[in-house]
Amino acid sequence: MIKQDPKITGALLDSYVAGYWAKVASEPVLKNPDLRVGTVLDHQFAYGFVIAGILNNEATEKCMRKKLNSMETDITKIIQEKAETMEVNNFPC
């Protein structure tokens, strides 16, 4: 059950994250009838990473970006093979 918080009026979810929560998660929280898809933003996919703590510096960021760029084809293949998107028509608008 989703905890109702009157202060939260919306959320932005990546379709792969929403697909996971709608299909794979042990408790499919996105099937809650109180949730609605208001707007679907069509945008080319992107992937990223978060650097925190002692690694949060320009040299680490540059190194990670270089490595990710060199692996773009492999990363895209993994995403296409492993991730599932959420169907918009699962939710009433």
Protein backbone atom coordinates (compact mmCIF):
# COMPACT_ATOMS: atom_id res chain seq x y z
CA MET A 1 0.00 0.00 0.00
CA ILE A 2 1.32 3.42 -0.94
CA LYS A 3 1.60 5.81 1.96
CA GLN A 4 -0.64 8.76 1.16
CA ASP A 5 1.11 12.10 1.61
CA PRO A 6 -0.98 15.14 0.70
CA LYS A 7 2.20 17.17 0.08
CA ILE A 8 3.21 15.01 -2.91
CA THR A 9 1.23 15.90 -6.01
CA GLY A 10 3.33 14.31 -8.74
CA ALA A 11 6.37 12.32 -9.73
CA LEU A 12 8.63 11.90 -12.72
CA LEU A 13 9.48 8.28 -13.50
CA ASP A 14 11.72 6.84 -16.15
CA SER A 15 9.76 4.28 -18.19
CA TYR A 16 12.24 1.53 -17.32
CA VAL A 17 11.90 2.24 -13.60
CA ALA A 18 8.13 2.38 -13.93
CA GLY A 19 8.20 -0.86 -15.94
CA TYR A 20 10.16 -2.56 -13.17
CA TRP A 21 7.75 -1.42 -10.48
CA ALA A 22 4.73 -2.30 -12.60
CA LYS A 23 5.85 -5.81 -13.61
CA VAL A 24 8.82 -7.14 -11.67
CA ALA A 25 8.61 -5.83 -8.14
CA SER A 26 7.17 -8.14 -5.49
CA GLU A 27 4.62 -5.46 -4.60
CA PRO A 28 3.49 -3.74 -7.83
CA VAL A 29 2.93 -0.30 -6.26
CA LEU A 30 2.21 1.31 -9.62
CA LYS A 31 -1.02 -0.67 -9.91
CA ASN A 32 -2.56 1.54 -7.23
CA PRO A 33 -5.83 2.90 -8.72
CA ASP A 34 -5.09 6.34 -7.22
CA LEU A 35 -2.08 6.79 -9.54
CA ARG A 36 -2.54 8.37 -12.97
CA VAL A 37 -0.27 9.10 -15.91
CA GLY A 38 -0.76 12.76 -16.66
CA THR A 39 1.89 13.43 -19.28
CA VAL A 40 4.29 11.19 -21.17
CA LEU A 41 7.50 12.94 -22.15
CA ASP A 42 9.09 11.51 -25.28
CA HIS A 43 12.82 11.94 -24.90
CA GLN A 44 15.82 10.02 -26.16
CA PHE A 45 17.11 7.74 -23.47
CA ALA A 46 20.11 8.55 -21.38
CA TYR A 47 21.96 6.72 -18.67
CA GLY A 48 24.10 8.13 -15.97
CA PHE A 49 25.80 7.66 -12.68
CA VAL A 50 26.13 9.44 -9.37
CA ILE A 51 29.50 10.23 -7.88
CA ALA A 52 29.54 11.06 -4.19
CA GLY A 53 31.93 11.41 -1.30
CA ILE A 54 35.65 11.18 -1.88
CA LEU A 55 35.14 10.26 -5.56
CA ASN A 56 33.20 13.46 -6.26
CA ASN A 57 35.89 15.29 -8.20
CA GLU A 58 36.59 16.39 -11.75
CA ALA A 59 39.20 13.70 -12.45
CA THR A 60 36.86 10.85 -11.46
CA GLU A 61 34.00 12.34 -13.43
CA LYS A 62 36.17 12.70 -16.54
CA CYS A 63 37.43 9.11 -16.19
CA MET A 64 33.90 7.71 -15.72
CA ARG A 65 32.53 9.65 -18.69
CA LYS A 66 35.37 8.41 -20.90
CA LYS A 67 34.77 4.79 -19.83
CA LEU A 68 30.98 5.03 -20.24
CA ASN A 69 31.39 6.60 -23.68
CA SER A 70 33.67 3.74 -24.72
CA MET A 71 31.05 1.23 -23.53
CA GLU A 72 27.99 2.94 -25.03
CA THR A 73 27.16 0.07 -27.41
CA ASP A 74 27.48 -2.56 -24.66
CA ILE A 75 25.41 -0.53 -22.20
CA THR A 76 22.68 0.09 -24.78
CA LYS A 77 22.53 -3.63 -25.59
CA ILE A 78 22.17 -4.55 -21.90
CA ILE A 79 19.38 -1.99 -21.44
CA GLN A 80 17.53 -3.25 -24.51
CA GLU A 81 17.83 -6.90 -23.47
CA LYS A 82 17.14 -6.60 -19.75
CA ALA A 83 14.84 -3.65 -19.20
CA GLU A 84 11.11 -3.52 -19.84
CA THR A 85 9.14 -0.36 -20.34
CA MET A 86 5.76 0.33 -18.81
CA GLU A 87 2.77 0.41 -21.13
CA VAL A 88 0.96 3.73 -20.78
CA ASN A 89 -2.44 2.12 -21.32
CA ASN A 90 -2.02 0.28 -17.98
CA PHE A 91 -2.98 3.53 -16.30
CA PRO A 92 -6.16 5.54 -16.73
CA CYS A 93 -5.42 9.14 -17.69
